[in-house]
């Protein structure tokens, strides 16, 4: 059975997710929360400390806490897969491979994946969705040493990251993200169900193992009406987060 402070922390997380407490708003005072849940202020402080450590609320002592984010947002300070992000929102992640084939590594592939140019690497075009609605196109190039394991994964696997961990023990530990905006080309528009030239949010990323060995590099394109990115600024942290569009 979960400790009382853990139950309260989970109740507060759900309230933040439901936007009962919106980003930028104040949580009730500790005395009010203690009365609401029938516990001591010390128990409330333990619950609040857990949310503070997760980056959901501010950490000012002696003042009511400000809501900084919700689990609807995925901070890029942590490496979380699309499926994990969707699950945190109570949504179902879907995926479908449109195309998958080997190509010789280009100069860009070789640089990003630290391979010799011409090495055979697996290119995968995948449509990702939330509850079946397409929101993301992933154009991913996998390093030669992990490509055979990716190749045999079923086309509609909701989480390639999790499957690779289960099958091979590979852990996606570090990621570098570059974000910009692009216009949807013909293929993007068709697969995402948007007009051609519609704005898409592009994230180019390289993901590595704990040892720094590149696993993949990807050009991810999000529908701008479905997903947005926000920055939470403070003197100690400037966390970029992915969230569903308002």
Protein backbone atom coordinates (compact mmCIF):
# COMPACT_ATOMS: atom_id res chain seq x y z
CA UNK A 1 0.00 0.00 0.00
CA UNK A 2 1.32 3.44 -0.95
CA UNK A 3 2.29 5.82 1.82
CA UNK A 4 -0.13 8.68 2.47
CA UNK A 5 2.20 11.34 1.07
CA UNK A 6 2.55 9.29 -2.15
CA UNK A 7 -1.25 9.14 -2.51
CA UNK A 8 -1.48 12.91 -2.03
CA UNK A 9 1.31 13.52 -4.54
CA UNK A 10 -0.51 11.38 -7.10
CA UNK A 11 -3.79 13.22 -6.44
CA UNK A 12 -2.02 16.55 -7.03
CA UNK A 13 -0.41 15.25 -10.23
CA UNK A 14 -3.82 14.26 -11.57
CA UNK A 15 -5.27 17.64 -10.60
CA UNK A 16 -2.46 19.39 -12.49
CA UNK A 17 -2.98 17.12 -15.51
CA UNK A 18 -6.71 17.97 -15.50
CA UNK A 19 -5.71 21.65 -15.32
CA UNK A 20 -7.53 22.09 -12.02
CA UNK A 21 -4.26 23.86 -11.26
CA UNK A 22 -3.01 25.40 -14.52
CA UNK A 23 0.60 26.26 -15.36
CA UNK A 24 1.44 29.55 -13.64
CA UNK A 25 -1.22 29.17 -10.94
CA UNK A 26 -0.62 28.65 -7.22
CA UNK A 27 -1.23 25.45 -5.33
CA UNK A 28 -3.37 25.82 -2.20
CA UNK A 29 -1.47 26.60 0.99
CA UNK A 30 -0.02 23.68 2.95
CA UNK A 31 -2.57 24.21 5.74
CA UNK A 32 -5.43 24.02 3.23
CA UNK A 33 -4.04 20.87 1.63
CA UNK A 34 -3.49 19.29 5.06
CA UNK A 35 -7.13 19.97 5.97
CA UNK A 36 -8.40 18.69 2.63
CA UNK A 37 -6.58 15.37 2.89
CA UNK A 38 -6.80 15.02 6.69
CA UNK A 39 -3.05 14.82 7.24
CA UNK A 40 -0.29 16.81 8.91
CA UNK A 41 1.56 19.63 7.16
CA UNK A 42 4.67 17.42 7.26
CA UNK A 43 2.92 14.81 5.12
CA UNK A 44 1.85 17.54 2.67
CA UNK A 45 5.44 18.80 2.51
CA UNK A 46 6.60 15.29 1.54
CA UNK A 47 4.04 15.17 -1.27
CA UNK A 48 4.96 18.64 -2.47
CA UNK A 49 8.67 17.76 -2.38
CA UNK A 50 8.03 14.86 -4.77
CA UNK A 51 6.31 17.16 -7.29
CA UNK A 52 9.09 19.72 -6.90
CA UNK A 53 11.72 17.07 -7.68
CA UNK A 54 9.78 16.16 -10.84
CA UNK A 55 9.76 19.77 -12.00
CA UNK A 56 5.97 20.10 -11.85
CA UNK A 57 5.96 22.89 -9.27
CA UNK A 58 8.35 25.62 -8.12
CA UNK A 59 10.68 25.16 -5.19
CA UNK A 60 10.37 28.45 -3.25
CA UNK A 61 10.32 27.85 0.48
CA UNK A 62 7.93 29.73 2.72
CA UNK A 63 5.58 30.56 -0.14
CA UNK A 64 2.76 28.90 -2.03
CA UNK A 65 4.12 26.79 -4.84
CA UNK A 66 3.68 27.78 -8.48
CA UNK A 67 2.72 25.12 -11.04
CA UNK A 68 5.49 24.98 -13.66
CA UNK A 69 4.38 22.11 -15.90
CA UNK A 70 2.19 19.04 -16.11
CA UNK A 71 2.76 15.51 -17.26
CA UNK A 72 1.16 16.61 -20.52
CA UNK A 73 4.49 18.32 -21.12
CA UNK A 74 7.60 16.32 -21.84
CA UNK A 75 10.74 18.10 -20.76
CA UNK A 76 13.65 17.63 -23.14
CA UNK A 77 15.83 17.71 -20.03
CA UNK A 78 14.77 14.06 -19.74
CA UNK A 79 14.89 11.57 -22.60
CA UNK A 80 11.42 10.12 -22.91
CA UNK A 81 10.04 8.28 -25.93
CA UNK A 82 6.91 9.37 -27.78
CA UNK A 83 5.06 6.35 -26.34
CA UNK A 84 6.09 7.22 -22.77
CA UNK A 85 5.01 10.83 -23.27
CA UNK A 86 1.62 9.72 -24.62
CA UNK A 87 1.15 7.27 -21.74
CA UNK A 88 1.87 10.01 -19.19
CA UNK A 89 -1.05 11.97 -20.68
CA UNK A 90 -3.38 8.99 -20.57
CA UNK A 91 -3.28 8.77 -24.38
CA UNK A 92 -2.52 5.76 -26.55
CA UNK A 93 0.54 5.97 -28.77
CA UNK A 94 0.17 4.40 -32.19
CA UNK A 95 2.69 3.85 -34.91
CA UNK A 96 2.93 2.49 -38.43
CA UNK A 97 5.96 1.96 -40.64
CA UNK A 98 5.38 3.41 -44.11
CA UNK A 99 8.77 2.49 -45.57
CA UNK A 100 11.85 0.64 -44.35
CA UNK A 101 14.99 -0.06 -46.36
CA UNK A 102 18.77 -0.14 -46.21
CA UNK A 103 20.90 2.55 -47.83
CA UNK A 104 24.64 3.28 -47.83
CA UNK A 105 25.42 5.85 -45.16
CA UNK A 106 25.67 9.36 -46.58
CA UNK A 107 28.22 11.86 -45.32
CA UNK A 108 25.58 13.22 -42.90
CA UNK A 109 24.68 9.72 -41.69
CA UNK A 110 28.36 8.90 -41.16
CA UNK A 111 28.99 12.06 -39.14
CA UNK A 112 25.90 11.76 -36.98
CA UNK A 113 26.22 8.02 -36.34
CA UNK A 114 30.05 7.94 -36.21
CA UNK A 115 30.28 5.38 -39.00
CA UNK A 116 32.22 5.04 -42.22
CA UNK A 117 30.54 6.57 -45.22
CA UNK A 118 28.88 3.84 -47.31
CA UNK A 119 28.12 1.59 -44.32
CA UNK A 120 24.69 -0.04 -44.68
CA UNK A 121 22.18 1.71 -42.39
CA UNK A 122 18.44 1.23 -42.00
CA UNK A 123 16.12 4.11 -42.98
CA UNK A 124 12.61 3.98 -41.48
CA UNK A 125 9.68 6.30 -42.23
CA UNK A 126 7.11 5.97 -39.46
CA UNK A 127 3.80 7.74 -38.76
CA UNK A 128 3.07 8.21 -35.06
CA UNK A 129 -0.32 9.03 -33.60
CA UNK A 130 -2.18 9.90 -30.42
CA UNK A 131 -5.29 7.71 -30.04
CA UNK A 132 -5.01 6.89 -33.74
CA UNK A 133 -4.77 10.50 -34.95
CA UNK A 134 -1.52 11.09 -36.92
CA UNK A 135 0.56 13.83 -35.31
CA UNK A 136 4.19 12.98 -36.12
CA UNK A 137 6.36 11.71 -38.97
CA UNK A 138 9.66 10.11 -37.98
CA UNK A 139 12.39 9.72 -40.58
CA UNK A 140 14.95 7.71 -38.66
CA UNK A 141 18.33 6.32 -39.64
CA UNK A 142 19.61 3.53 -37.40
CA UNK A 143 23.28 2.64 -36.96
CA UNK A 144 24.42 -0.58 -38.63
CA UNK A 145 24.94 -2.44 -35.35
CA UNK A 146 21.33 -1.96 -34.22
CA UNK A 147 19.59 -2.06 -37.62
CA UNK A 148 18.97 -5.86 -37.69
CA UNK A 149 17.12 -5.65 -34.37
CA UNK A 150 14.98 -2.75 -35.61
CA UNK A 151 14.25 -4.45 -38.93
CA UNK A 152 12.36 -7.38 -37.33
CA UNK A 153 10.12 -5.24 -35.10
CA UNK A 154 6.48 -5.36 -36.21
CA UNK A 155 5.39 -2.30 -38.26
CA UNK A 156 2.75 -1.18 -35.75
CA UNK A 157 4.91 -1.46 -32.62
CA UNK A 158 3.93 1.46 -30.34
CA UNK A 159 7.40 1.85 -28.79
CA UNK A 160 10.54 0.89 -30.68
CA UNK A 161 12.60 2.27 -27.79
CA UNK A 162 11.01 -0.15 -25.32
CA UNK A 163 11.19 -3.09 -27.74
CA UNK A 164 14.89 -2.55 -28.38
CA UNK A 165 15.51 -2.49 -24.64
CA UNK A 166 13.55 -5.72 -24.16
CA UNK A 167 15.17 -7.51 -27.11
CA UNK A 168 18.75 -6.24 -26.97
CA UNK A 169 19.23 -4.33 -23.71
CA UNK A 170 19.97 -1.10 -25.62
CA UNK A 171 19.15 1.95 -23.50
CA UNK A 172 18.52 5.31 -25.18
CA UNK A 173 20.34 7.49 -22.66
CA UNK A 174 21.26 10.83 -24.23
CA UNK A 175 19.73 12.98 -26.93
CA UNK A 176 20.59 16.21 -28.72
CA UNK A 177 17.65 18.09 -30.25
CA UNK A 178 17.60 20.89 -32.84
CA UNK A 179 14.16 22.45 -33.37
CA UNK A 180 12.89 24.57 -36.24
CA UNK A 181 9.85 24.97 -38.50
CA UNK A 182 9.40 23.62 -42.03
CA UNK A 183 6.62 23.59 -44.63
CA UNK A 184 4.88 20.27 -45.29
CA UNK A 185 5.89 18.69 -48.58
CA UNK A 186 3.58 16.42 -50.58
CA UNK A 187 4.47 13.27 -48.64
CA UNK A 188 4.28 14.99 -45.26
CA UNK A 189 0.89 16.47 -46.09
CA UNK A 190 -0.55 13.17 -47.26
CA UNK A 191 0.65 11.13 -44.28
CA UNK A 192 -0.30 13.72 -41.65
CA UNK A 193 -3.57 14.76 -43.22
CA UNK A 194 -2.68 18.44 -43.58
CA UNK A 195 -2.49 20.88 -46.49
CA UNK A 196 0.71 21.04 -48.47
CA UNK A 197 2.99 23.86 -47.19
CA UNK A 198 1.27 23.72 -43.76
CA UNK A 199 3.76 24.58 -41.00
CA UNK A 200 5.31 21.62 -39.21
CA UNK A 201 7.52 21.63 -36.12
CA UNK A 202 10.72 19.76 -36.92
CA UNK A 203 12.99 18.16 -34.32
CA UNK A 204 16.29 16.75 -35.56
CA UNK A 205 17.81 14.52 -32.92
CA UNK A 206 20.72 12.18 -32.34
CA UNK A 207 20.29 9.57 -29.62
CA UNK A 208 23.13 7.64 -27.97
CA UNK A 209 23.68 4.92 -25.39
CA UNK A 210 25.05 5.63 -21.92
CA UNK A 211 28.52 5.06 -23.37
CA UNK A 212 27.91 7.74 -26.00
CA UNK A 213 27.53 5.34 -28.93
CA UNK A 214 25.04 6.74 -31.47
CA UNK A 215 21.97 4.53 -31.96
CA UNK A 216 19.92 6.64 -34.36
CA UNK A 217 19.44 10.03 -35.84
CA UNK A 218 16.03 11.28 -36.88
CA UNK A 219 14.13 14.08 -38.59
CA UNK A 220 10.79 14.25 -36.70
CA UNK A 221 7.97 16.46 -38.01
CA UNK A 222 4.99 17.31 -35.81
CA UNK A 223 1.66 18.74 -36.86
CA UNK A 224 1.70 22.22 -35.36
CA UNK A 225 -2.01 22.05 -34.47
CA UNK A 226 -1.46 18.91 -32.41
CA UNK A 227 1.85 19.43 -30.58
CA UNK A 228 3.65 22.51 -29.32
CA UNK A 229 6.90 23.23 -27.50
CA UNK A 230 7.26 25.47 -24.47
CA UNK A 231 10.19 26.75 -22.43
CA UNK A 232 10.07 27.03 -18.64
CA UNK A 233 12.66 29.63 -17.62
CA UNK A 234 14.29 30.11 -14.26
CA UNK A 235 17.70 31.16 -13.00
CA UNK A 236 18.58 27.51 -12.37
CA UNK A 237 16.90 25.76 -15.24
CA UNK A 238 15.60 26.45 -18.76
CA UNK A 239 13.68 23.31 -19.63
CA UNK A 240 12.20 22.89 -23.08
CA UNK A 241 9.03 20.79 -23.09
CA UNK A 242 6.85 19.05 -25.67
CA UNK A 243 3.10 19.19 -25.09
CA UNK A 244 -0.17 18.83 -26.92
CA UNK A 245 -1.28 22.02 -28.64
CA UNK A 246 -3.90 24.13 -26.88
